[in-house]
Each structure stands twice: as structure tokens, then as C-alpha cells.
Amino acid sequence: MGRIKQLLPLGDGPVIKYCISSIAASGIEDIVIVLAPGNKELFNAIRGFPLRVAFNKDQGGEMADSVRTGLCQIGPSATGVVICLSDHPMVSEETFRDLVALHGKRPDKILIPVYQGKKGHPALFPAPVAKEMFSDLNLRQLIDRLPGRVNFLDVPDEGVILDMDTMDDYRIILEKIRAKE
């Protein structure tokens, strides 16, 4: 998009604030955000939230590198890891709650939300499965490796499939936010 999309205005603050607010409102307490070193604007935008910051030193790396960086911050008592993308700001707190509740019933399953037949984000991984990423697998490979350990959760939340890869995507999300207000 030619700019830091997490800092684009959305609602009463930047996109990243919108994302973190939904996660925190859902009751998830152990939140880790992974940033590139030196991104002071983004770091300042998340001040005041109950979270930990980890820095991915491999700025040109893949998303899997950021996930591995974040996993290093997860405590040993965590049974699952919700992997959220900061370009999916409209995921509702109810979707986060539903994923966590289903994880309580199916703690050994990778959980993926589905909206009207389309797979979306965030995904919830059992902690032992997420740690398999340290054997140089990425998230897609973890999911594809053993399809029997994947469960899909139908949700009424279009936010799981709305991402911001282009300015047109951003405009669509802005319109949807305005319609909710």
C-alpha cells in the first residue's frame, strides 16, 4: 500500500488500535504483538494496551518469522495461540470468544473461522502445534500437513475475510465501519 497500513485511521484511532481493542475486549489476556525494530510510530500507537511487544529482527522475512518471534514470548501454560493479522481489523470480539470457547472443547485442533463458505483469520493453533513452526514450517504447512487436526468454525463475522491489501480494501473497510456507527 506504500505506507504503514496499521497506522491508517479507522474509527477513533489507527487500524492497529482497532485490532487490539477487539482482542482485548474478547477476554484474551496474554497478547503479544510483533513489530519491526525501529517502528516508533507503530510502537507509540499501541501504548497503553495490555500487551507485550516482541521485535522481529528479520525485517525482510516471512510472516512465519514474526510468528516464531511471538511464540518465544508465550508462557508455558498457554494451551493455544490465536494468530491474528493486523490487516484484518474488523474481526469481532465474539469471533475471538467463539474460537477460544471451541478450543476449550477441542484443544488438539487447529481452528479456522469460516464466513459464508470462505476461510478467514484469525486461526487458533494448539500451543504444541504452533511450536512445530520452529522446525521451519509455516502456518500453511502446519495446516496442510495433517488436515484431520483442522476444524472450521462457521461465524457470522464478515471481518474474518476482510483484509487490507490495497487502498480499495481499506475504503471498503472504512465504509463498513461507518455503517456500524
N, C-alpha and C. Protein backbone atom coordinates (compact mmCIF):
# COMPACT_ATOMS: atom_id res chain seq x y z
N MET A 1 0.82 -1.20 0.00
CA MET A 1 0.00 0.00 0.00
C MET A 1 0.85 1.25 0.00
N GLY A 2 2.15 1.09 0.15
CA GLY A 2 3.02 2.25 0.09
C GLY A 2 3.13 3.02 1.40
N ARG A 3 2.50 2.50 2.44
CA ARG A 3 2.57 3.15 3.76
C ARG A 3 2.29 2.09 4.82
N ILE A 4 2.45 2.46 6.07
CA ILE A 4 2.19 1.52 7.16
C ILE A 4 0.68 1.44 7.35
N LYS A 5 0.09 0.36 6.85
CA LYS A 5 -1.37 0.27 6.87
C LYS A 5 -1.94 0.16 8.28
N GLN A 6 -1.15 -0.31 9.23
CA GLN A 6 -1.64 -0.41 10.61
C GLN A 6 -1.85 0.97 11.24
N LEU A 7 -1.29 2.00 10.62
CA LEU A 7 -1.43 3.36 11.15
C LEU A 7 -2.50 4.17 10.43
N LEU A 8 -3.13 3.60 9.41
CA LEU A 8 -4.22 4.30 8.74
C LEU A 8 -5.36 4.54 9.72
N PRO A 9 -6.06 5.66 9.62
CA PRO A 9 -7.16 5.93 10.56
C PRO A 9 -8.35 5.00 10.34
N LEU A 10 -8.90 4.54 11.44
CA LEU A 10 -10.08 3.68 11.40
C LEU A 10 -10.84 3.88 12.71
N GLY A 11 -12.08 4.31 12.61
CA GLY A 11 -12.83 4.60 13.83
C GLY A 11 -12.17 5.73 14.58
N ASP A 12 -11.91 5.52 15.87
CA ASP A 12 -11.34 6.58 16.69
C ASP A 12 -9.83 6.48 16.87
N GLY A 13 -9.17 5.77 15.97
CA GLY A 13 -7.72 5.65 16.07
C GLY A 13 -7.16 4.91 14.87
N PRO A 14 -5.91 4.47 14.96
CA PRO A 14 -5.32 3.75 13.85
C PRO A 14 -5.84 2.30 13.77
N VAL A 15 -5.64 1.68 12.63
CA VAL A 15 -6.07 0.31 12.38
C VAL A 15 -5.59 -0.63 13.49
N ILE A 16 -4.34 -0.49 13.91
CA ILE A 16 -3.78 -1.41 14.92
C ILE A 16 -4.56 -1.32 16.23
N LYS A 17 -5.00 -0.13 16.59
CA LYS A 17 -5.79 0.04 17.81
C LYS A 17 -7.11 -0.71 17.69
N TYR A 18 -7.71 -0.64 16.53
CA TYR A 18 -8.98 -1.33 16.28
C TYR A 18 -8.80 -2.84 16.46
N CYS A 19 -7.71 -3.37 15.91
CA CYS A 19 -7.41 -4.81 16.02
C CYS A 19 -7.23 -5.22 17.48
N ILE A 20 -6.37 -4.52 18.18
CA ILE A 20 -6.05 -4.89 19.56
C ILE A 20 -7.26 -4.72 20.47
N SER A 21 -8.07 -3.71 20.23
CA SER A 21 -9.25 -3.49 21.07
C SER A 21 -10.20 -4.69 21.02
N SER A 22 -10.41 -5.27 19.84
CA SER A 22 -11.28 -6.44 19.73
C SER A 22 -10.71 -7.64 20.46
N ILE A 23 -9.41 -7.83 20.33
CA ILE A 23 -8.76 -8.96 21.01
C ILE A 23 -8.90 -8.79 22.52
N ALA A 24 -8.55 -7.62 23.02
CA ALA A 24 -8.61 -7.38 24.46
C ALA A 24 -10.04 -7.47 24.99
N ALA A 25 -11.00 -6.94 24.24
CA ALA A 25 -12.40 -6.97 24.67
C ALA A 25 -12.95 -8.39 24.72
N SER A 26 -12.34 -9.30 23.99
CA SER A 26 -12.81 -10.69 23.97
C SER A 26 -12.45 -11.45 25.24
N GLY A 27 -11.54 -10.90 26.03
CA GLY A 27 -11.11 -11.58 27.24
C GLY A 27 -9.76 -12.26 27.11
N ILE A 28 -9.18 -12.24 25.92
CA ILE A 28 -7.83 -12.78 25.77
C ILE A 28 -6.88 -11.85 26.52
N GLU A 29 -6.13 -12.42 27.46
CA GLU A 29 -5.31 -11.60 28.34
C GLU A 29 -3.84 -11.57 27.97
N ASP A 30 -3.34 -12.63 27.39
CA ASP A 30 -1.92 -12.71 27.07
C ASP A 30 -1.73 -12.35 25.60
N ILE A 31 -1.52 -11.06 25.34
CA ILE A 31 -1.42 -10.55 23.98
C ILE A 31 0.02 -10.15 23.70
N VAL A 32 0.55 -10.67 22.60
CA VAL A 32 1.90 -10.33 22.15
C VAL A 32 1.77 -9.75 20.76
N ILE A 33 2.38 -8.61 20.54
CA ILE A 33 2.40 -8.02 19.20
C ILE A 33 3.84 -8.03 18.72
N VAL A 34 4.02 -8.38 17.46
CA VAL A 34 5.36 -8.44 16.88
C VAL A 34 5.52 -7.26 15.93
N LEU A 35 6.57 -6.50 16.18
CA LEU A 35 6.87 -5.30 15.37
C LEU A 35 8.26 -5.41 14.77
N ALA A 36 8.47 -4.64 13.73
CA ALA A 36 9.81 -4.47 13.19
C ALA A 36 10.55 -3.49 14.10
N PRO A 37 11.82 -3.71 14.35
CA PRO A 37 12.57 -2.77 15.20
C PRO A 37 12.58 -1.37 14.58
N GLY A 38 12.52 -0.39 15.42
CA GLY A 38 12.63 0.98 14.95
C GLY A 38 11.33 1.60 14.47
N ASN A 39 10.23 0.89 14.54
CA ASN A 39 8.95 1.45 14.09
C ASN A 39 8.32 2.18 15.27
N LYS A 40 8.82 3.38 15.54
CA LYS A 40 8.38 4.15 16.71
C LYS A 40 6.93 4.58 16.61
N GLU A 41 6.46 4.92 15.41
CA GLU A 41 5.06 5.34 15.25
C GLU A 41 4.10 4.22 15.66
N LEU A 42 4.37 3.03 15.17
CA LEU A 42 3.51 1.90 15.50
C LEU A 42 3.63 1.55 16.98
N PHE A 43 4.84 1.59 17.49
CA PHE A 43 5.06 1.32 18.92
C PHE A 43 4.28 2.32 19.77
N ASN A 44 4.31 3.59 19.41
CA ASN A 44 3.57 4.61 20.16
C ASN A 44 2.06 4.41 20.05
N ALA A 45 1.58 3.91 18.92
CA ALA A 45 0.14 3.71 18.71
C ALA A 45 -0.44 2.63 19.61
N ILE A 46 0.41 1.72 20.10
CA ILE A 46 -0.11 0.62 20.93
C ILE A 46 0.15 0.83 22.42
N ARG A 47 0.74 1.95 22.75
CA ARG A 47 0.99 2.25 24.19
C ARG A 47 -0.34 2.25 24.94
N GLY A 48 -0.29 1.75 26.14
CA GLY A 48 -1.47 1.75 26.98
C GLY A 48 -2.30 0.48 26.88
N PHE A 49 -2.02 -0.35 25.89
CA PHE A 49 -2.75 -1.62 25.78
C PHE A 49 -2.06 -2.67 26.64
N PRO A 50 -2.85 -3.60 27.17
CA PRO A 50 -2.26 -4.66 28.00
C PRO A 50 -1.64 -5.74 27.10
N LEU A 51 -0.41 -5.50 26.69
CA LEU A 51 0.26 -6.45 25.80
C LEU A 51 1.76 -6.37 25.97
N ARG A 52 2.42 -7.35 25.37
CA ARG A 52 3.88 -7.36 25.31
C ARG A 52 4.28 -7.15 23.86
N VAL A 53 5.41 -6.52 23.68
CA VAL A 53 5.93 -6.26 22.34
C VAL A 53 7.18 -7.11 22.14
N ALA A 54 7.22 -7.80 21.00
CA ALA A 54 8.42 -8.53 20.58
C ALA A 54 8.86 -7.94 19.25
N PHE A 55 10.15 -7.94 19.01
CA PHE A 55 10.66 -7.35 17.78
C PHE A 55 11.23 -8.43 16.88
N ASN A 56 10.74 -8.46 15.65
CA ASN A 56 11.24 -9.38 14.63
C ASN A 56 12.43 -8.70 13.96
N LYS A 57 13.60 -9.20 14.24
CA LYS A 57 14.81 -8.58 13.72
C LYS A 57 15.01 -8.84 12.22
N ASP A 58 14.29 -9.83 11.68
CA ASP A 58 14.38 -10.15 10.26
C ASP A 58 13.29 -9.39 9.52
N GLN A 59 13.53 -8.10 9.25
CA GLN A 59 12.51 -7.23 8.68
C GLN A 59 12.04 -7.67 7.30
N GLY A 60 12.89 -8.32 6.54
CA GLY A 60 12.51 -8.75 5.21
C GLY A 60 12.00 -10.18 5.18
N GLY A 61 11.84 -10.77 6.34
CA GLY A 61 11.46 -12.17 6.44
C GLY A 61 9.99 -12.42 6.15
N GLU A 62 9.63 -13.68 6.27
CA GLU A 62 8.25 -14.10 6.05
C GLU A 62 7.41 -13.90 7.31
N MET A 63 6.09 -14.02 7.14
CA MET A 63 5.20 -13.92 8.29
C MET A 63 5.57 -14.98 9.34
N ALA A 64 6.01 -16.14 8.88
CA ALA A 64 6.37 -17.22 9.81
C ALA A 64 7.45 -16.76 10.79
N ASP A 65 8.36 -15.90 10.34
CA ASP A 65 9.41 -15.39 11.24
C ASP A 65 8.80 -14.54 12.35
N SER A 66 7.80 -13.74 12.01
CA SER A 66 7.12 -12.94 13.04
C SER A 66 6.37 -13.84 14.01
N VAL A 67 5.73 -14.87 13.49
CA VAL A 67 5.00 -15.79 14.37
C VAL A 67 5.99 -16.48 15.32
N ARG A 68 7.11 -16.93 14.81
CA ARG A 68 8.12 -17.58 15.67
C ARG A 68 8.60 -16.61 16.75
N THR A 69 8.80 -15.35 16.36
CA THR A 69 9.23 -14.33 17.33
C THR A 69 8.19 -14.18 18.44
N GLY A 70 6.92 -14.12 18.06
CA GLY A 70 5.86 -14.01 19.05
C GLY A 70 5.73 -15.25 19.92
N LEU A 71 5.90 -16.42 19.33
CA LEU A 71 5.79 -17.67 20.09
C LEU A 71 6.83 -17.75 21.21
N CYS A 72 7.96 -17.12 21.00
CA CYS A 72 9.00 -17.12 22.04
C CYS A 72 8.55 -16.35 23.29
N GLN A 73 7.52 -15.54 23.16
CA GLN A 73 7.01 -14.74 24.28
C GLN A 73 5.85 -15.41 25.01
N ILE A 74 5.36 -16.51 24.48
CA ILE A 74 4.20 -17.20 25.07
C ILE A 74 4.65 -18.04 26.25
N GLY A 75 3.91 -17.93 27.34
CA GLY A 75 4.25 -18.68 28.53
C GLY A 75 3.97 -20.17 28.38
N PRO A 76 4.61 -20.99 29.22
CA PRO A 76 4.46 -22.44 29.11
C PRO A 76 3.07 -22.95 29.45
N SER A 77 2.26 -22.16 30.12
CA SER A 77 0.91 -22.61 30.48
C SER A 77 -0.11 -22.38 29.37
N ALA A 78 0.28 -21.70 28.29
CA ALA A 78 -0.66 -21.45 27.19
C ALA A 78 -1.02 -22.76 26.50
N THR A 79 -2.30 -22.98 26.33
CA THR A 79 -2.76 -24.20 25.63
C THR A 79 -3.01 -23.94 24.16
N GLY A 80 -3.21 -22.67 23.80
CA GLY A 80 -3.48 -22.33 22.41
C GLY A 80 -2.94 -20.96 22.08
N VAL A 81 -2.79 -20.72 20.78
CA VAL A 81 -2.25 -19.46 20.30
C VAL A 81 -3.15 -18.97 19.17
N VAL A 82 -3.73 -17.79 19.35
CA VAL A 82 -4.53 -17.17 18.30
C VAL A 82 -3.58 -16.30 17.48
N ILE A 83 -3.45 -16.60 16.21
CA ILE A 83 -2.55 -15.84 15.35
C ILE A 83 -3.39 -14.87 14.52
N CYS A 84 -3.22 -13.60 14.85
CA CYS A 84 -4.02 -12.53 14.23
C CYS A 84 -3.17 -11.76 13.25
N LEU A 85 -3.81 -11.30 12.21
CA LEU A 85 -3.12 -10.47 11.23
C LEU A 85 -3.60 -9.02 11.41
N SER A 86 -2.67 -8.11 11.40
CA SER A 86 -3.05 -6.72 11.65
C SER A 86 -3.70 -6.05 10.45
N ASP A 87 -3.86 -6.78 9.36
CA ASP A 87 -4.60 -6.20 8.23
C ASP A 87 -6.01 -6.78 8.13
N HIS A 88 -6.48 -7.37 9.23
CA HIS A 88 -7.87 -7.85 9.36
C HIS A 88 -8.51 -7.15 10.57
N PRO A 89 -8.72 -5.84 10.49
CA PRO A 89 -9.14 -5.10 11.68
C PRO A 89 -10.58 -5.31 12.11
N MET A 90 -11.41 -5.90 11.28
CA MET A 90 -12.83 -5.97 11.62
C MET A 90 -13.27 -7.27 12.28
N VAL A 91 -12.33 -8.12 12.66
CA VAL A 91 -12.70 -9.36 13.35
C VAL A 91 -13.34 -8.96 14.68
N SER A 92 -14.51 -9.51 14.95
CA SER A 92 -15.26 -9.11 16.15
C SER A 92 -14.74 -9.82 17.39
N GLU A 93 -15.00 -9.20 18.52
CA GLU A 93 -14.62 -9.83 19.79
C GLU A 93 -15.37 -11.15 19.97
N GLU A 94 -16.59 -11.25 19.43
CA GLU A 94 -17.35 -12.50 19.54
C GLU A 94 -16.65 -13.64 18.81
N THR A 95 -16.04 -13.36 17.67
CA THR A 95 -15.31 -14.40 16.95
C THR A 95 -14.13 -14.88 17.78
N PHE A 96 -13.41 -13.96 18.40
CA PHE A 96 -12.31 -14.37 19.27
C PHE A 96 -12.83 -15.24 20.41
N ARG A 97 -13.93 -14.82 21.02
CA ARG A 97 -14.51 -15.61 22.12
C ARG A 97 -14.93 -16.99 21.65
N ASP A 98 -15.57 -17.06 20.47
CA ASP A 98 -16.03 -18.34 19.94
C ASP A 98 -14.86 -19.28 19.66
N LEU A 99 -13.77 -18.74 19.12
CA LEU A 99 -12.59 -19.57 18.88
C LEU A 99 -12.02 -20.12 20.19
N VAL A 100 -11.91 -19.26 21.19
CA VAL A 100 -11.37 -19.69 22.48
C VAL A 100 -12.29 -20.72 23.13
N ALA A 101 -13.60 -20.51 23.03
CA ALA A 101 -14.55 -21.48 23.61
C ALA A 101 -14.44 -22.82 22.90
N LEU A 102 -14.34 -22.82 21.60
CA LEU A 102 -14.21 -24.08 20.87
C LEU A 102 -12.88 -24.75 21.19
N HIS A 103 -11.84 -23.98 21.38
CA HIS A 103 -10.54 -24.54 21.78
C HIS A 103 -10.68 -25.28 23.12
N GLY A 104 -11.49 -24.78 24.02
CA GLY A 104 -11.71 -25.47 25.29
C GLY A 104 -12.33 -26.84 25.10
N LYS A 105 -13.12 -27.01 24.05
CA LYS A 105 -13.76 -28.30 23.76
C LYS A 105 -12.92 -29.19 22.87
N ARG A 106 -12.09 -28.57 22.04
CA ARG A 106 -11.26 -29.31 21.08
C ARG A 106 -9.81 -28.78 21.14
N PRO A 107 -9.14 -28.99 22.26
CA PRO A 107 -7.83 -28.37 22.47
C PRO A 107 -6.72 -28.88 21.55
N ASP A 108 -6.96 -29.97 20.86
CA ASP A 108 -5.92 -30.52 19.98
C ASP A 108 -6.12 -30.13 18.51
N LYS A 109 -7.10 -29.28 18.23
CA LYS A 109 -7.45 -28.93 16.85
C LYS A 109 -6.99 -27.52 16.48
N ILE A 110 -6.59 -27.36 15.23
CA ILE A 110 -6.38 -26.04 14.66
C ILE A 110 -7.76 -25.52 14.28
N LEU A 111 -8.10 -24.33 14.69
CA LEU A 111 -9.43 -23.77 14.47
C LEU A 111 -9.36 -22.60 13.50
N ILE A 112 -10.18 -22.68 12.46
CA ILE A 112 -10.19 -21.64 11.43
C ILE A 112 -11.62 -21.15 11.25
N PRO A 113 -11.83 -19.83 11.37
CA PRO A 113 -13.19 -19.31 11.17
C PRO A 113 -13.55 -19.30 9.68
N VAL A 114 -14.85 -19.48 9.43
CA VAL A 114 -15.36 -19.51 8.07
C VAL A 114 -16.58 -18.59 8.01
N TYR A 115 -16.59 -17.70 7.02
CA TYR A 115 -17.73 -16.81 6.80
C TYR A 115 -18.29 -17.11 5.42
N GLN A 116 -19.53 -17.54 5.38
CA GLN A 116 -20.23 -17.85 4.13
C GLN A 116 -19.37 -18.70 3.19
N GLY A 117 -18.78 -19.75 3.77
CA GLY A 117 -18.01 -20.71 2.98
C GLY A 117 -16.57 -20.32 2.70
N LYS A 118 -16.14 -19.12 3.15
CA LYS A 118 -14.77 -18.66 2.90
C LYS A 118 -13.96 -18.74 4.20
N LYS A 119 -12.81 -19.39 4.12
CA LYS A 119 -11.92 -19.48 5.27
C LYS A 119 -11.30 -18.12 5.54
N GLY A 120 -11.14 -17.81 6.83
CA GLY A 120 -10.61 -16.50 7.19
C GLY A 120 -9.58 -16.55 8.30
N HIS A 121 -9.42 -15.41 8.93
CA HIS A 121 -8.46 -15.22 10.03
C HIS A 121 -9.18 -14.56 11.18
N PRO A 122 -8.75 -14.76 12.38
CA PRO A 122 -7.52 -15.41 12.84
C PRO A 122 -7.71 -16.92 12.98
N ALA A 123 -6.61 -17.62 13.05
CA ALA A 123 -6.64 -19.05 13.33
C ALA A 123 -6.13 -19.28 14.74
N LEU A 124 -6.67 -20.31 15.37
CA LEU A 124 -6.21 -20.68 16.71
C LEU A 124 -5.49 -22.02 16.59
N PHE A 125 -4.26 -22.05 17.04
CA PHE A 125 -3.44 -23.26 17.00
C PHE A 125 -3.21 -23.78 18.40
N PRO A 126 -3.33 -25.09 18.63
CA PRO A 126 -2.90 -25.63 19.91
C PRO A 126 -1.43 -25.26 20.10
N ALA A 127 -1.04 -24.92 21.31
CA ALA A 127 0.34 -24.46 21.55
C ALA A 127 1.37 -25.47 21.05
N PRO A 128 1.21 -26.77 21.29
CA PRO A 128 2.23 -27.70 20.78
C PRO A 128 2.32 -27.71 19.25
N VAL A 129 1.19 -27.52 18.59
CA VAL A 129 1.19 -27.48 17.12
C VAL A 129 1.88 -26.20 16.65
N ALA A 130 1.56 -25.07 17.27
CA ALA A 130 2.19 -23.80 16.88
C ALA A 130 3.71 -23.90 17.01
N LYS A 131 4.17 -24.58 18.04
CA LYS A 131 5.62 -24.70 18.25
C LYS A 131 6.30 -25.54 17.19
N GLU A 132 5.52 -26.29 16.40
CA GLU A 132 6.09 -27.04 15.28
C GLU A 132 6.68 -26.08 14.24
N MET A 133 6.32 -24.81 14.30
CA MET A 133 6.88 -23.83 13.37
C MET A 133 8.38 -23.68 13.53
N PHE A 134 8.90 -24.07 14.69
CA PHE A 134 10.34 -23.96 14.91
C PHE A 134 11.12 -25.01 14.12
N SER A 135 10.41 -25.93 13.48
CA SER A 135 11.08 -26.89 12.60
C SER A 135 11.00 -26.40 11.15
N ASP A 136 10.97 -25.07 10.99
CA ASP A 136 10.98 -24.38 9.69
C ASP A 136 9.72 -24.61 8.86
N LEU A 137 8.61 -24.86 9.51
CA LEU A 137 7.33 -24.92 8.81
C LEU A 137 6.68 -23.55 8.90
N ASN A 138 5.80 -23.25 7.96
CA ASN A 138 5.00 -22.05 8.08
C ASN A 138 3.57 -22.45 8.46
N LEU A 139 2.71 -21.48 8.65
CA LEU A 139 1.35 -21.78 9.10
C LEU A 139 0.59 -22.64 8.10
N ARG A 140 0.71 -22.32 6.84
CA ARG A 140 0.01 -23.09 5.80
C ARG A 140 0.48 -24.55 5.83
N GLN A 141 1.76 -24.76 5.98
CA GLN A 141 2.29 -26.13 6.03
C GLN A 141 1.78 -26.88 7.25
N LEU A 142 1.66 -26.19 8.38
CA LEU A 142 1.11 -26.83 9.58
C LEU A 142 -0.33 -27.28 9.34
N ILE A 143 -1.09 -26.44 8.68
CA ILE A 143 -2.49 -26.75 8.41
C ILE A 143 -2.60 -27.89 7.39
N ASP A 144 -1.80 -27.82 6.34
CA ASP A 144 -1.89 -28.81 5.28
C ASP A 144 -1.30 -30.17 5.66
N ARG A 145 -0.38 -30.16 6.59
CA ARG A 145 0.34 -31.38 6.97
C ARG A 145 -0.58 -32.46 7.51
N LEU A 146 -1.48 -32.10 8.35
CA LEU A 146 -2.42 -33.05 8.94
C LEU A 146 -3.83 -32.45 8.90
N PRO A 147 -4.50 -32.54 7.78
CA PRO A 147 -5.81 -31.89 7.66
C PRO A 147 -6.84 -32.41 8.67
N GLY A 148 -6.63 -33.59 9.22
CA GLY A 148 -7.55 -34.13 10.21
C GLY A 148 -7.55 -33.39 11.53
N ARG A 149 -6.53 -32.59 11.76
CA ARG A 149 -6.49 -31.83 13.02
C ARG A 149 -7.04 -30.42 12.87
N VAL A 150 -7.65 -30.13 11.70
CA VAL A 150 -8.23 -28.81 11.45
C VAL A 150 -9.75 -28.88 11.60
N ASN A 151 -10.30 -27.95 12.36
CA ASN A 151 -11.75 -27.78 12.46
C ASN A 151 -12.09 -26.38 11.99
N PHE A 152 -13.23 -26.28 11.32
CA PHE A 152 -13.69 -25.00 10.83
C PHE A 152 -14.87 -24.54 11.68
N LEU A 153 -14.91 -23.26 11.98
CA LEU A 153 -15.96 -22.68 12.79
C LEU A 153 -16.72 -21.66 11.96
N ASP A 154 -17.98 -21.97 11.65
CA ASP A 154 -18.81 -21.01 10.93
C ASP A 154 -19.12 -19.84 11.84
N VAL A 155 -18.86 -18.65 11.35
CA VAL A 155 -19.10 -17.43 12.13
C VAL A 155 -19.92 -16.45 11.29
N PRO A 156 -20.72 -15.61 11.95
CA PRO A 156 -21.49 -14.59 11.22
C PRO A 156 -20.69 -13.29 11.07
N ASP A 157 -19.37 -13.39 11.07
CA ASP A 157 -18.47 -12.24 11.13
C ASP A 157 -17.71 -12.08 9.82
N GLU A 158 -18.17 -11.16 9.00
CA GLU A 158 -17.50 -10.90 7.73
C GLU A 158 -16.06 -10.42 7.93
N GLY A 159 -15.77 -9.89 9.11
CA GLY A 159 -14.42 -9.38 9.39
C GLY A 159 -13.33 -10.41 9.23
N VAL A 160 -13.66 -11.71 9.32
CA VAL A 160 -12.63 -12.74 9.20
C VAL A 160 -12.10 -12.85 7.78
N ILE A 161 -12.83 -12.32 6.80
CA ILE A 161 -12.37 -12.40 5.41
C ILE A 161 -12.02 -11.04 4.81
N LEU A 162 -12.20 -9.98 5.59
CA LEU A 162 -11.91 -8.63 5.09
C LEU A 162 -10.49 -8.23 5.47
N ASP A 163 -9.61 -8.20 4.48
CA ASP A 163 -8.25 -7.76 4.76
C ASP A 163 -7.95 -6.48 3.99
N MET A 164 -6.85 -5.86 4.34
CA MET A 164 -6.48 -4.57 3.77
C MET A 164 -5.16 -4.70 3.02
N ASP A 165 -5.24 -5.16 1.80
CA ASP A 165 -4.02 -5.25 0.99
C ASP A 165 -3.88 -4.08 0.02
N THR A 166 -4.99 -3.41 -0.26
CA THR A 166 -4.98 -2.28 -1.20
C THR A 166 -5.76 -1.12 -0.61
N MET A 167 -5.63 0.04 -1.22
CA MET A 167 -6.41 1.19 -0.76
C MET A 167 -7.90 0.95 -0.99
N ASP A 168 -8.26 0.20 -2.03
CA ASP A 168 -9.67 -0.14 -2.24
C ASP A 168 -10.19 -0.99 -1.08
N ASP A 169 -9.39 -1.95 -0.63
CA ASP A 169 -9.78 -2.77 0.53
C ASP A 169 -10.00 -1.88 1.75
N TYR A 170 -9.09 -0.94 1.96
CA TYR A 170 -9.19 -0.01 3.08
C TYR A 170 -10.48 0.81 2.99
N ARG A 171 -10.79 1.30 1.80
CA ARG A 171 -12.02 2.09 1.63
C ARG A 171 -13.27 1.26 1.94
N ILE A 172 -13.27 0.01 1.54
CA ILE A 172 -14.41 -0.88 1.84
C ILE A 172 -14.56 -1.05 3.35
N ILE A 173 -13.45 -1.24 4.03
CA ILE A 173 -13.49 -1.39 5.49
C ILE A 173 -13.97 -0.10 6.14
N LEU A 174 -13.50 1.04 5.66
CA LEU A 174 -13.97 2.33 6.19
C LEU A 174 -15.49 2.46 6.04
N GLU A 175 -16.00 2.10 4.89
CA GLU A 175 -17.45 2.17 4.66
C GLU A 175 -18.20 1.26 5.64
N LYS A 176 -17.69 0.08 5.87
CA LYS A 176 -18.35 -0.85 6.78
C LYS A 176 -18.31 -0.34 8.22
N ILE A 177 -17.22 0.29 8.60
CA ILE A 177 -17.11 0.88 9.94
C ILE A 177 -18.12 2.00 10.09
N ARG A 178 -18.21 2.86 9.10
CA ARG A 178 -19.17 3.97 9.15
C ARG A 178 -20.61 3.46 9.24
N ALA A 179 -20.90 2.37 8.52
CA ALA A 179 -22.25 1.80 8.53
C ALA A 179 -22.59 1.23 9.91
N LYS A 180 -21.60 0.80 10.67
CA LYS A 180 -21.83 0.24 12.01
C LYS A 180 -22.08 1.34 13.03
N GLU A 181 -21.56 2.54 12.77
CA GLU A 181 -21.66 3.63 13.77
C GLU A 181 -23.04 4.22 13.84
